[in-house]
Amino acid sequence: QVSLVESGGGLVQPGGSLRLSCAASGNIFSILSMAWYRQAPGKQRELVASTTNDGETNYKESVRGRFTISTDNYRFLFLQMDNLQPGDKTIYYCSARSPIGSYWGQGTQVTVSS
């Protein structure tokens, strides 16, 4: 079992930055990869960025070059978000994938508004 707790969301003006954090606890040795997802009201949850512990990363095209994902041996997962735009406003979720399934955090709200 893996527990995930996100933090770092908030309100920022367009062009601003936020850093999301996700603290993992429990059986973190079972984690194969971690990722950030986001879900807007009435829309499907979408992958924002993913990473493995050996540094392999993957980004949604619209955030490439603005967002950076990183992990500390799966104990923590980070998402540095720069040049935030109104379209980035939504709830962001931390996820961890293991051989028996995926785990999810409770989400953190990101609001981009002037």
C-alpha atoms as a PDB file:
ATOM      1  CA  GLN A   1       0.000   0.000   0.000  1.00  0.00           C
ATOM      2  CA  VAL A   2       1.257   3.473  -0.912  1.00  0.00           C
ATOM      3  CA  SER A   3      -0.134   6.773   0.392  1.00  0.00           C
ATOM      4  CA  LEU A   4       0.328  10.010  -1.532  1.00  0.00           C
ATOM      5  CA  VAL A   5      -0.190  13.544  -0.238  1.00  0.00           C
ATOM      6  CA  GLU A   6       0.067  16.553  -2.561  1.00  0.00           C
ATOM      7  CA  SER A   7       0.832  20.140  -1.624  1.00  0.00           C
ATOM      8  CA  GLY A   8       1.881  23.366  -3.279  1.00  0.00           C
ATOM      9  CA  GLY A   9      -1.204  24.362  -5.213  1.00  0.00           C
ATOM     10  CA  GLY A  10      -2.581  27.875  -5.082  1.00  0.00           C
ATOM     11  CA  LEU A  11      -3.425  31.025  -6.980  1.00  0.00           C
ATOM     12  CA  VAL A  12      -0.951  32.546  -9.414  1.00  0.00           C
ATOM     13  CA  GLN A  13      -1.105  35.159 -12.145  1.00  0.00           C
ATOM     14  CA  PRO A  14      -0.564  34.190 -15.790  1.00  0.00           C
ATOM     15  CA  GLY A  15       3.141  33.808 -16.416  1.00  0.00           C
ATOM     16  CA  GLY A  16       3.774  32.899 -12.804  1.00  0.00           C
ATOM     17  CA  SER A  17       5.218  29.749 -11.248  1.00  0.00           C
ATOM     18  CA  LEU A  18       4.210  27.088  -8.750  1.00  0.00           C
ATOM     19  CA  ARG A  19       5.952  23.994  -7.427  1.00  0.00           C
ATOM     20  CA  LEU A  20       3.801  21.010  -6.575  1.00  0.00           C
ATOM     21  CA  SER A  21       5.060  18.381  -4.163  1.00  0.00           C
ATOM     22  CA  CYS A  22       3.857  14.860  -3.439  1.00  0.00           C
ATOM     23  CA  ALA A  23       5.009  12.917  -0.397  1.00  0.00           C
ATOM     24  CA  ALA A  24       4.867   9.127  -0.698  1.00  0.00           C
ATOM     25  CA  SER A  25       4.748   6.754   2.242  1.00  0.00           C
ATOM     26  CA  GLY A  26       4.194   3.066   2.795  1.00  0.00           C
ATOM     27  CA  ASN A  27       5.615   0.461   0.435  1.00  0.00           C
ATOM     28  CA  ILE A  28       7.471   2.916  -1.820  1.00  0.00           C
ATOM     29  CA  PHE A  29       9.852   0.146  -2.865  1.00  0.00           C
ATOM     30  CA  SER A  30       7.031  -1.297  -4.975  1.00  0.00           C
ATOM     31  CA  ILE A  31       6.722   1.887  -7.078  1.00  0.00           C
ATOM     32  CA  LEU A  32       7.671   1.505 -10.751  1.00  0.00           C
ATOM     33  CA  SER A  33       6.962   5.053 -11.905  1.00  0.00           C
ATOM     34  CA  MET A  34       5.243   8.236 -10.747  1.00  0.00           C
ATOM     35  CA  ALA A  35       3.267  10.869 -12.543  1.00  0.00           C
ATOM     36  CA  TRP A  36       1.219  14.042 -12.312  1.00  0.00           C
ATOM     37  CA  TYR A  37      -2.257  14.084 -13.792  1.00  0.00           C
ATOM     38  CA  ARG A  38      -4.848  16.826 -13.943  1.00  0.00           C
ATOM     39  CA  GLN A  39      -8.599  16.833 -14.351  1.00  0.00           C
ATOM     40  CA  ALA A  40     -10.874  19.731 -15.184  1.00  0.00           C
ATOM     41  CA  PRO A  41     -14.590  19.595 -14.315  1.00  0.00           C
ATOM     42  CA  GLY A  42     -16.482  17.467 -16.823  1.00  0.00           C
ATOM     43  CA  LYS A  43     -13.312  16.271 -18.527  1.00  0.00           C
ATOM     44  CA  GLN A  44     -11.235  13.128 -18.401  1.00  0.00           C
ATOM     45  CA  ARG A  45      -8.155  12.967 -16.218  1.00  0.00           C
ATOM     46  CA  GLU A  46      -5.073  13.577 -18.399  1.00  0.00           C
ATOM     47  CA  LEU A  47      -1.420  12.801 -17.975  1.00  0.00           C
ATOM     48  CA  VAL A  48       0.707  15.913 -17.437  1.00  0.00           C
ATOM     49  CA  ALA A  49       4.133  14.359 -16.847  1.00  0.00           C
ATOM     50  CA  SER A  50       5.635  11.080 -15.726  1.00  0.00           C
ATOM     51  CA  THR A  51       9.024   9.897 -14.535  1.00  0.00           C
ATOM     52  CA  THR A  52      10.938   6.799 -13.560  1.00  0.00           C
ATOM     53  CA  ASN A  53      13.655   6.688 -10.933  1.00  0.00           C
ATOM     54  CA  ASP A  54      16.348   6.395 -13.596  1.00  0.00           C
ATOM     55  CA  GLY A  55      15.343   9.755 -15.026  1.00  0.00           C
ATOM     56  CA  GLU A  56      13.150   8.799 -17.953  1.00  0.00           C
ATOM     57  CA  THR A  57      10.479  11.497 -18.330  1.00  0.00           C
ATOM     58  CA  ASN A  58       7.438  12.098 -20.489  1.00  0.00           C
ATOM     59  CA  TYR A  59       5.388  15.302 -20.874  1.00  0.00           C
ATOM     60  CA  LYS A  60       2.058  16.341 -22.300  1.00  0.00           C
ATOM     61  CA  GLU A  61       2.884  18.384 -25.373  1.00  0.00           C
ATOM     62  CA  SER A  62       1.223  21.565 -24.117  1.00  0.00           C
ATOM     63  CA  VAL A  63       3.380  21.702 -20.962  1.00  0.00           C
ATOM     64  CA  ARG A  64       6.697  20.628 -22.470  1.00  0.00           C
ATOM     65  CA  GLY A  65       9.300  23.301 -21.860  1.00  0.00           C
ATOM     66  CA  ARG A  66       7.213  24.921 -19.093  1.00  0.00           C
ATOM     67  CA  PHE A  67       6.847  22.091 -16.566  1.00  0.00           C
ATOM     68  CA  THR A  68       9.590  19.934 -15.075  1.00  0.00           C
ATOM     69  CA  ILE A  69       8.963  16.696 -13.199  1.00  0.00           C
ATOM     70  CA  SER A  70      11.450  15.213 -10.756  1.00  0.00           C
ATOM     71  CA  THR A  71      11.577  12.628  -7.989  1.00  0.00           C
ATOM     72  CA  ASP A  72      13.683  11.847  -4.935  1.00  0.00           C
ATOM     73  CA  ASN A  73      13.818   8.054  -5.148  1.00  0.00           C
ATOM     74  CA  TYR A  74      10.006   8.018  -5.187  1.00  0.00           C
ATOM     75  CA  ARG A  75       9.880   9.392  -1.640  1.00  0.00           C
ATOM     76  CA  PHE A  76       8.853  12.723  -3.100  1.00  0.00           C
ATOM     77  CA  LEU A  77       7.544  13.771  -6.498  1.00  0.00           C
ATOM     78  CA  PHE A  78       7.767  17.364  -7.700  1.00  0.00           C
ATOM     79  CA  LEU A  79       6.314  19.368 -10.548  1.00  0.00           C
ATOM     80  CA  GLN A  80       7.901  22.743 -11.247  1.00  0.00           C
ATOM     81  CA  MET A  81       5.399  24.739 -13.275  1.00  0.00           C
ATOM     82  CA  ASP A  82       6.629  27.906 -14.989  1.00  0.00           C
ATOM     83  CA  ASN A  83       4.866  30.342 -17.298  1.00  0.00           C
ATOM     84  CA  LEU A  84       1.489  29.128 -16.084  1.00  0.00           C
ATOM     85  CA  GLN A  85      -1.465  29.898 -18.321  1.00  0.00           C
ATOM     86  CA  PRO A  86      -5.221  30.027 -17.662  1.00  0.00           C
ATOM     87  CA  GLY A  87      -5.563  26.669 -19.416  1.00  0.00           C
ATOM     88  CA  ASP A  88      -3.440  25.086 -16.669  1.00  0.00           C
ATOM     89  CA  LYS A  89      -6.076  25.890 -14.058  1.00  0.00           C
ATOM     90  CA  THR A  90      -7.477  22.670 -12.595  1.00  0.00           C
ATOM     91  CA  ILE A  91      -6.898  20.017  -9.930  1.00  0.00           C
ATOM     92  CA  TYR A  92      -3.565  18.189 -10.107  1.00  0.00           C
ATOM     93  CA  TYR A  93      -3.138  14.626  -8.841  1.00  0.00           C
ATOM     94  CA  CYS A  94      -0.048  12.654  -7.908  1.00  0.00           C
ATOM     95  CA  SER A  95      -0.002   9.019  -8.980  1.00  0.00           C
ATOM     96  CA  ALA A  96       2.263   6.056  -8.329  1.00  0.00           C
ATOM     97  CA  ARG A  97       2.245   2.872 -10.386  1.00  0.00           C
ATOM     98  CA  SER A  98       3.089  -0.496  -8.837  1.00  0.00           C
ATOM     99  CA  PRO A  99       2.884  -4.100 -10.090  1.00  0.00           C
ATOM    100  CA  ILE A 100      -0.539  -4.500  -8.460  1.00  0.00           C
ATOM    101  CA  GLY A 101      -2.078  -1.202  -9.518  1.00  0.00           C
ATOM    102  CA  SER A 102      -1.963   2.566  -9.213  1.00  0.00           C
ATOM    103  CA  TYR A 103      -2.292   4.836  -6.207  1.00  0.00           C
ATOM    104  CA  TRP A 104      -3.622   8.392  -6.162  1.00  0.00           C
ATOM    105  CA  GLY A 105      -3.391  11.432  -3.955  1.00  0.00           C
ATOM    106  CA  GLN A 106      -6.331  13.626  -3.014  1.00  0.00           C
ATOM    107  CA  GLY A 107      -5.398  16.389  -5.456  1.00  0.00           C
ATOM    108  CA  THR A 108      -4.292  19.988  -5.168  1.00  0.00           C
ATOM    109  CA  GLN A 109      -5.968  22.962  -6.831  1.00  0.00           C
ATOM    110  CA  VAL A 110      -4.042  25.224  -9.192  1.00  0.00           C
ATOM    111  CA  THR A 111      -5.705  28.484 -10.183  1.00  0.00           C
ATOM    112  CA  VAL A 112      -4.266  30.832 -12.790  1.00  0.00           C
ATOM    113  CA  SER A 113      -5.961  34.196 -12.879  1.00  0.00           C
ATOM    114  CA  SER A 114      -5.146  37.871 -13.066  1.00  0.00           C
END
